[in-house]
Amino acid sequence: MFTGLIEDVGEITRIEKSGTGVFLSIRSPLICDGTEEGDSISIDGACLTVTAVGDSSFTVFASRVTCAVTTLGEFRVGRSVNLERALQLNARLGGHIVQGHIDGKGTIKRIIRDENGLAITIAVDGDIRAYLVEKGSVAVDGVSLTIVTLDDEGFMVYLIPETLAKTTLDKKAQGAAVNIEIDILAKYVEKLLSREEDMKDDRLKKKLMEEGFM
């Protein structure tokens, strides 16, 4: 579990293909400090398990499925990536609950910069948009952001200088693909509501049977 508050921007230093995916080596002395094999690291929002760690770089394995549903399949040596270690239970939850399970990819459609920050409009599939609400939370490449507005294509977020300085989002260009994770609370609410509807249907069917209508 993560918060969406990026700890460091790392650099991809090696990509080694295997039969079922790729091994990624990432340089980040900060993230390596205290990290052990088996730990979970969010890389551009995707939760991956550390397979090896040194003083300044660590290695993770990304499966073929992960590469297909996220932007990890587009990674190249030299790419900068957002990094966050798993949340500790005694730490403040400054962002929102992020699982590191990417729901899909979005595409940056518009970038508007002003004296205070950057407004980015991101297009997403309808299946993702259905879970988004204005002033709600969303993770973009692992960064916890607040949705400012929604439109027919997707949503707009506004990045303050602090976020731009500590993440890779300031380097994104129009047309770039980004990883999207919707708020887990939205998924649970939908599940509970659908269960309630199912229970209503079951009660109705039972009543109809009791009265001889079925």
C-alpha atoms as a PDB file:
ATOM      1  CA  MET A   1       0.000   0.000   0.000  1.00  0.00           C
ATOM      2  CA  PHE A   2       1.219   3.504  -0.909  1.00  0.00           C
ATOM      3  CA  THR A   3       0.203   7.134  -0.460  1.00  0.00           C
ATOM      4  CA  GLY A   4       0.918   8.618  -3.879  1.00  0.00           C
ATOM      5  CA  LEU A   5       3.531  10.961  -2.394  1.00  0.00           C
ATOM      6  CA  ILE A   6       6.647  10.395  -4.488  1.00  0.00           C
ATOM      7  CA  GLU A   7       9.872   9.902  -2.527  1.00  0.00           C
ATOM      8  CA  ASP A   8      12.376  10.087  -5.360  1.00  0.00           C
ATOM      9  CA  VAL A   9      12.769  10.205  -9.117  1.00  0.00           C
ATOM     10  CA  GLY A  10      14.928   7.277 -10.228  1.00  0.00           C
ATOM     11  CA  GLU A  11      16.583   6.396 -13.520  1.00  0.00           C
ATOM     12  CA  ILE A  12      16.235   3.158 -15.470  1.00  0.00           C
ATOM     13  CA  THR A  13      19.807   1.853 -15.902  1.00  0.00           C
ATOM     14  CA  ARG A  14      19.215  -1.641 -17.286  1.00  0.00           C
ATOM     15  CA  ILE A  15      16.432  -3.608 -18.960  1.00  0.00           C
ATOM     16  CA  GLU A  16      16.861  -7.358 -19.303  1.00  0.00           C
ATOM     17  CA  LYS A  17      14.178  -9.350 -21.059  1.00  0.00           C
ATOM     18  CA  SER A  18      13.195 -12.775 -19.788  1.00  0.00           C
ATOM     19  CA  GLY A  19      10.754 -15.368 -21.047  1.00  0.00           C
ATOM     20  CA  THR A  20       7.828 -13.962 -19.078  1.00  0.00           C
ATOM     21  CA  GLY A  21       8.679 -10.282 -18.719  1.00  0.00           C
ATOM     22  CA  VAL A  22      11.591  -7.972 -17.983  1.00  0.00           C
ATOM     23  CA  PHE A  23      13.999  -7.194 -15.159  1.00  0.00           C
ATOM     24  CA  LEU A  24      14.355  -3.458 -14.554  1.00  0.00           C
ATOM     25  CA  SER A  25      17.325  -1.963 -12.719  1.00  0.00           C
ATOM     26  CA  ILE A  26      16.730   1.503 -11.298  1.00  0.00           C
ATOM     27  CA  ARG A  27      19.201   3.934  -9.795  1.00  0.00           C
ATOM     28  CA  SER A  28      18.042   5.620  -6.587  1.00  0.00           C
ATOM     29  CA  PRO A  29      20.351   5.716  -3.547  1.00  0.00           C
ATOM     30  CA  LEU A  30      17.501   7.125  -1.463  1.00  0.00           C
ATOM     31  CA  ILE A  31      15.134   4.234  -2.186  1.00  0.00           C
ATOM     32  CA  CYS A  32      17.917   1.661  -1.723  1.00  0.00           C
ATOM     33  CA  ASP A  33      18.553   2.891   1.808  1.00  0.00           C
ATOM     34  CA  GLY A  34      16.807   0.354   4.056  1.00  0.00           C
ATOM     35  CA  THR A  35      15.209  -1.543   1.171  1.00  0.00           C
ATOM     36  CA  GLU A  36      15.489  -5.338   1.133  1.00  0.00           C
ATOM     37  CA  GLU A  37      14.724  -8.094  -1.332  1.00  0.00           C
ATOM     38  CA  GLY A  38      11.012  -8.827  -1.316  1.00  0.00           C
ATOM     39  CA  ASP A  39       9.996  -5.248  -0.521  1.00  0.00           C
ATOM     40  CA  SER A  40       7.352  -3.535  -2.633  1.00  0.00           C
ATOM     41  CA  ILE A  41       8.211  -0.403  -4.624  1.00  0.00           C
ATOM     42  CA  SER A  42       5.809   1.725  -6.647  1.00  0.00           C
ATOM     43  CA  ILE A  43       7.376   2.523 -10.032  1.00  0.00           C
ATOM     44  CA  ASP A  44       5.330   5.081 -11.957  1.00  0.00           C
ATOM     45  CA  GLY A  45       2.406   3.810  -9.911  1.00  0.00           C
ATOM     46  CA  ALA A  46       2.892   0.071 -10.510  1.00  0.00           C
ATOM     47  CA  CYS A  47       3.665  -2.039  -7.442  1.00  0.00           C
ATOM     48  CA  LEU A  48       6.636  -4.333  -8.108  1.00  0.00           C
ATOM     49  CA  THR A  49       8.724  -6.591  -5.879  1.00  0.00           C
ATOM     50  CA  VAL A  50      12.435  -5.978  -5.343  1.00  0.00           C
ATOM     51  CA  THR A  51      14.518  -8.942  -6.533  1.00  0.00           C
ATOM     52  CA  ALA A  52      17.965  -7.458  -5.782  1.00  0.00           C
ATOM     53  CA  VAL A  53      19.269  -4.314  -4.097  1.00  0.00           C
ATOM     54  CA  GLY A  54      22.653  -2.588  -3.932  1.00  0.00           C
ATOM     55  CA  ASP A  55      23.987   0.661  -2.521  1.00  0.00           C
ATOM     56  CA  SER A  56      22.632   2.869  -5.293  1.00  0.00           C
ATOM     57  CA  SER A  57      20.341   0.736  -7.476  1.00  0.00           C
ATOM     58  CA  PHE A  58      17.754  -2.009  -7.162  1.00  0.00           C
ATOM     59  CA  THR A  59      16.137  -4.501  -9.517  1.00  0.00           C
ATOM     60  CA  VAL A  60      12.499  -5.518  -9.954  1.00  0.00           C
ATOM     61  CA  PHE A  61      10.687  -7.936 -12.244  1.00  0.00           C
ATOM     62  CA  ALA A  62       7.745  -6.836 -14.383  1.00  0.00           C
ATOM     63  CA  SER A  63       5.647  -9.603 -15.914  1.00  0.00           C
ATOM     64  CA  ARG A  64       4.428  -9.604 -19.483  1.00  0.00           C
ATOM     65  CA  VAL A  65       0.898  -8.773 -18.269  1.00  0.00           C
ATOM     66  CA  THR A  66       2.133  -5.813 -16.212  1.00  0.00           C
ATOM     67  CA  CYS A  67       4.077  -4.484 -19.195  1.00  0.00           C
ATOM     68  CA  ALA A  68       0.979  -4.789 -21.384  1.00  0.00           C
ATOM     69  CA  VAL A  69      -1.496  -2.969 -19.122  1.00  0.00           C
ATOM     70  CA  THR A  70       0.872  -0.233 -17.910  1.00  0.00           C
ATOM     71  CA  THR A  71       3.482   2.054 -19.450  1.00  0.00           C
ATOM     72  CA  LEU A  72       6.287  -0.214 -18.186  1.00  0.00           C
ATOM     73  CA  GLY A  73       6.390  -1.922 -21.553  1.00  0.00           C
ATOM     74  CA  GLU A  74       7.523   1.415 -23.040  1.00  0.00           C
ATOM     75  CA  PHE A  75      10.421   1.912 -20.615  1.00  0.00           C
ATOM     76  CA  ARG A  76      13.865   2.534 -22.047  1.00  0.00           C
ATOM     77  CA  VAL A  77      17.288   2.940 -20.410  1.00  0.00           C
ATOM     78  CA  GLY A  78      17.677   6.500 -19.164  1.00  0.00           C
ATOM     79  CA  ARG A  79      13.991   7.065 -18.469  1.00  0.00           C
ATOM     80  CA  SER A  80      13.086   8.873 -15.240  1.00  0.00           C
ATOM     81  CA  VAL A  81      10.459   7.201 -13.057  1.00  0.00           C
ATOM     82  CA  ASN A  82       8.496   8.090  -9.935  1.00  0.00           C
ATOM     83  CA  LEU A  83       9.396   5.959  -6.915  1.00  0.00           C
ATOM     84  CA  GLU A  84       7.689   5.333  -3.586  1.00  0.00           C
ATOM     85  CA  ARG A  85       8.334   2.694  -0.946  1.00  0.00           C
ATOM     86  CA  ALA A  86       5.418   0.958   0.745  1.00  0.00           C
ATOM     87  CA  LEU A  87       3.579   2.882   3.458  1.00  0.00           C
ATOM     88  CA  GLN A  88       4.596   2.235   7.054  1.00  0.00           C
ATOM     89  CA  LEU A  89       1.724   2.005   9.527  1.00  0.00           C
ATOM     90  CA  ASN A  90       3.265   4.663  11.797  1.00  0.00           C
ATOM     91  CA  ALA A  91       3.539   7.218   8.972  1.00  0.00           C
ATOM     92  CA  ARG A  92       1.147  10.012   8.031  1.00  0.00           C
ATOM     93  CA  LEU A  93      -1.156   9.306   5.085  1.00  0.00           C
ATOM     94  CA  GLY A  94      -0.520  12.573   3.272  1.00  0.00           C
ATOM     95  CA  GLY A  95      -1.935  11.552  -0.112  1.00  0.00           C
ATOM     96  CA  HIS A  96      -4.619   8.874  -0.457  1.00  0.00           C
ATOM     97  CA  ILE A  97      -4.706   5.081  -0.340  1.00  0.00           C
ATOM     98  CA  VAL A  98      -2.903   3.810  -3.439  1.00  0.00           C
ATOM     99  CA  GLN A  99      -2.531   0.071  -4.049  1.00  0.00           C
ATOM    100  CA  GLY A 100      -0.127   0.144  -6.960  1.00  0.00           C
ATOM    101  CA  HIS A 101      -2.614  -1.816  -9.086  1.00  0.00           C
ATOM    102  CA  ILE A 102      -2.937   0.089 -12.348  1.00  0.00           C
ATOM    103  CA  ASP A 103      -6.489   0.236 -13.735  1.00  0.00           C
ATOM    104  CA  GLY A 104      -5.448   1.405 -17.182  1.00  0.00           C
ATOM    105  CA  LYS A 105      -3.533   3.953 -19.189  1.00  0.00           C
ATOM    106  CA  GLY A 106      -4.483   7.533 -19.963  1.00  0.00           C
ATOM    107  CA  THR A 107      -3.233   9.920 -22.643  1.00  0.00           C
ATOM    108  CA  ILE A 108      -2.216  13.523 -21.989  1.00  0.00           C
ATOM    109  CA  LYS A 109      -4.360  15.703 -24.240  1.00  0.00           C
ATOM    110  CA  ARG A 110      -3.636  19.237 -23.090  1.00  0.00           C
ATOM    111  CA  ILE A 111      -0.967  20.967 -21.006  1.00  0.00           C
ATOM    112  CA  ILE A 112      -1.457  24.539 -19.856  1.00  0.00           C
ATOM    113  CA  ARG A 113       1.251  26.222 -17.804  1.00  0.00           C
ATOM    114  CA  ASP A 114       0.740  29.392 -15.785  1.00  0.00           C
ATOM    115  CA  GLU A 115       2.709  31.286 -13.159  1.00  0.00           C
ATOM    116  CA  ASN A 116       1.460  29.002 -10.372  1.00  0.00           C
ATOM    117  CA  GLY A 117       1.717  25.518 -11.860  1.00  0.00           C
ATOM    118  CA  LEU A 118       0.529  23.193 -14.597  1.00  0.00           C
ATOM    119  CA  ALA A 119      -2.939  22.067 -15.685  1.00  0.00           C
ATOM    120  CA  ILE A 120      -2.954  18.668 -17.403  1.00  0.00           C
ATOM    121  CA  THR A 121      -5.981  17.153 -19.125  1.00  0.00           C
ATOM    122  CA  ILE A 122      -5.895  13.370 -19.454  1.00  0.00           C
ATOM    123  CA  ALA A 123      -8.146  11.237 -21.652  1.00  0.00           C
ATOM    124  CA  VAL A 124      -9.190   7.838 -20.258  1.00  0.00           C
ATOM    125  CA  ASP A 125     -11.539   5.018 -21.221  1.00  0.00           C
ATOM    126  CA  GLY A 126     -15.139   5.240 -20.102  1.00  0.00           C
ATOM    127  CA  ASP A 127     -14.639   2.328 -17.697  1.00  0.00           C
ATOM    128  CA  ILE A 128     -12.146   4.440 -15.750  1.00  0.00           C
ATOM    129  CA  ARG A 129     -14.007   7.741 -16.072  1.00  0.00           C
ATOM    130  CA  ALA A 130     -17.092   6.183 -14.458  1.00  0.00           C
ATOM    131  CA  TYR A 131     -15.200   5.986 -11.146  1.00  0.00           C
ATOM    132  CA  LEU A 132     -13.931   9.573 -11.166  1.00  0.00           C
ATOM    133  CA  VAL A 133     -15.546  12.515  -9.365  1.00  0.00           C
ATOM    134  CA  GLU A 134     -14.644  16.163  -9.160  1.00  0.00           C
ATOM    135  CA  LYS A 135     -12.519  16.904  -6.068  1.00  0.00           C
ATOM    136  CA  GLY A 136     -11.892  13.164  -5.751  1.00  0.00           C
ATOM    137  CA  SER A 137      -8.519  11.426  -5.791  1.00  0.00           C
ATOM    138  CA  VAL A 138      -6.679   9.726  -8.631  1.00  0.00           C
ATOM    139  CA  ALA A 139      -3.118   8.429  -9.014  1.00  0.00           C
ATOM    140  CA  VAL A 140      -1.291   9.430 -12.212  1.00  0.00           C
ATOM    141  CA  ASP A 141       2.036   7.624 -12.670  1.00  0.00           C
ATOM    142  CA  GLY A 142       1.864   6.947  -8.950  1.00  0.00           C
ATOM    143  CA  VAL A 143       1.298  10.591  -7.988  1.00  0.00           C
ATOM    144  CA  SER A 144      -1.688  11.326  -5.732  1.00  0.00           C
ATOM    145  CA  LEU A 145      -3.679  14.138  -7.353  1.00  0.00           C
ATOM    146  CA  THR A 146      -7.048  15.824  -6.942  1.00  0.00           C
ATOM    147  CA  ILE A 147      -9.418  15.892  -9.903  1.00  0.00           C
ATOM    148  CA  VAL A 148     -10.329  19.494 -10.722  1.00  0.00           C
ATOM    149  CA  THR A 149     -12.857  18.934 -13.505  1.00  0.00           C
ATOM    150  CA  LEU A 150     -14.300  16.128 -15.619  1.00  0.00           C
ATOM    151  CA  ASP A 151     -15.188  16.198 -19.305  1.00  0.00           C
ATOM    152  CA  ASP A 152     -16.390  13.727 -21.917  1.00  0.00           C
ATOM    153  CA  GLU A 153     -12.838  12.479 -22.539  1.00  0.00           C
ATOM    154  CA  GLY A 154     -11.440  12.278 -19.039  1.00  0.00           C
ATOM    155  CA  PHE A 155     -10.309  14.686 -16.347  1.00  0.00           C
ATOM    156  CA  MET A 156      -8.083  17.634 -15.514  1.00  0.00           C
ATOM    157  CA  VAL A 157      -5.607  17.902 -12.640  1.00  0.00           C
ATOM    158  CA  TYR A 158      -3.537  20.862 -11.496  1.00  0.00           C
ATOM    159  CA  LEU A 159       0.069  20.400 -10.406  1.00  0.00           C
ATOM    160  CA  ILE A 160       1.663  22.857  -7.997  1.00  0.00           C
ATOM    161  CA  PRO A 161       5.414  23.660  -8.155  1.00  0.00           C
ATOM    162  CA  GLU A 162       6.165  21.243  -5.287  1.00  0.00           C
ATOM    163  CA  THR A 163       4.679  18.333  -7.240  1.00  0.00           C
ATOM    164  CA  LEU A 164       6.394  19.383 -10.461  1.00  0.00           C
ATOM    165  CA  ALA A 165       9.774  19.542  -8.730  1.00  0.00           C
ATOM    166  CA  LYS A 166       9.512  16.096  -7.091  1.00  0.00           C
ATOM    167  CA  THR A 167       7.951  13.989  -9.871  1.00  0.00           C
ATOM    168  CA  THR A 168       8.366  13.271 -13.565  1.00  0.00           C
ATOM    169  CA  LEU A 169       5.066  14.902 -14.543  1.00  0.00           C
ATOM    170  CA  ASP A 170       6.744  18.199 -15.431  1.00  0.00           C
ATOM    171  CA  LYS A 171       8.616  16.357 -18.196  1.00  0.00           C
ATOM    172  CA  LYS A 172       5.534  14.830 -19.807  1.00  0.00           C
ATOM    173  CA  ALA A 173       4.531  15.968 -23.281  1.00  0.00           C
ATOM    174  CA  GLN A 174       1.195  16.065 -25.034  1.00  0.00           C
ATOM    175  CA  GLY A 175       0.342  12.588 -26.293  1.00  0.00           C
ATOM    176  CA  ALA A 176       2.323  10.805 -23.575  1.00  0.00           C
ATOM    177  CA  ALA A 177       0.787   7.741 -21.934  1.00  0.00           C
ATOM    178  CA  VAL A 178       0.433   7.661 -18.134  1.00  0.00           C
ATOM    179  CA  ASN A 179      -0.616   5.012 -15.628  1.00  0.00           C
ATOM    180  CA  ILE A 180      -3.975   5.564 -13.933  1.00  0.00           C
ATOM    181  CA  GLU A 181      -5.212   4.094 -10.657  1.00  0.00           C
ATOM    182  CA  ILE A 182      -8.673   5.070  -9.505  1.00  0.00           C
ATOM    183  CA  ASP A 183      -9.549   5.539  -5.838  1.00  0.00           C
ATOM    184  CA  ILE A 184     -10.087   2.165  -4.148  1.00  0.00           C
ATOM    185  CA  LEU A 185     -13.003   3.668  -2.168  1.00  0.00           C
ATOM    186  CA  ALA A 186     -14.951   4.098  -5.418  1.00  0.00           C
ATOM    187  CA  LYS A 187     -14.567   0.404  -6.191  1.00  0.00           C
ATOM    188  CA  TYR A 188     -15.802  -0.655  -2.764  1.00  0.00           C
ATOM    189  CA  VAL A 189     -18.805   1.685  -2.917  1.00  0.00           C
ATOM    190  CA  GLU A 190     -19.801   0.250  -6.297  1.00  0.00           C
ATOM    191  CA  LYS A 191     -19.444  -3.294  -4.983  1.00  0.00           C
ATOM    192  CA  LEU A 192     -21.564  -2.609  -1.916  1.00  0.00           C
ATOM    193  CA  LEU A 193     -24.274  -0.868  -3.943  1.00  0.00           C
ATOM    194  CA  SER A 194     -24.423  -3.711  -6.470  1.00  0.00           C
ATOM    195  CA  ARG A 195     -24.672  -6.201  -3.596  1.00  0.00           C
ATOM    196  CA  GLU A 196     -27.546  -4.224  -2.113  1.00  0.00           C
ATOM    197  CA  GLU A 197     -29.370  -4.348  -5.459  1.00  0.00           C
ATOM    198  CA  ASP A 198     -28.796  -8.104  -5.648  1.00  0.00           C
ATOM    199  CA  MET A 199     -30.257  -8.524  -2.160  1.00  0.00           C
ATOM    200  CA  LYS A 200     -33.321  -6.495  -3.133  1.00  0.00           C
ATOM    201  CA  ASP A 201     -33.822  -8.717  -6.172  1.00  0.00           C
ATOM    202  CA  ASP A 202     -33.501 -11.851  -4.014  1.00  0.00           C
ATOM    203  CA  ARG A 203     -36.087 -10.563  -1.538  1.00  0.00           C
ATOM    204  CA  LEU A 204     -38.462  -9.683  -4.365  1.00  0.00           C
ATOM    205  CA  LYS A 205     -38.123 -13.116  -5.946  1.00  0.00           C
ATOM    206  CA  LYS A 206     -38.755 -14.784  -2.580  1.00  0.00           C
ATOM    207  CA  LYS A 207     -41.870 -12.692  -2.009  1.00  0.00           C
ATOM    208  CA  LEU A 208     -43.230 -13.463  -5.473  1.00  0.00           C
ATOM    209  CA  MET A 209     -42.686 -17.183  -4.914  1.00  0.00           C
ATOM    210  CA  GLU A 210     -44.424 -17.043  -1.547  1.00  0.00           C
ATOM    211  CA  GLU A 211     -47.443 -15.377  -3.156  1.00  0.00           C
ATOM    212  CA  GLY A 212     -47.503 -17.888  -5.993  1.00  0.00           C
ATOM    213  CA  PHE A 213     -46.441 -15.569  -8.793  1.00  0.00           C
ATOM    214  CA  MET A 214     -43.343 -17.613  -9.635  1.00  0.00           C
END
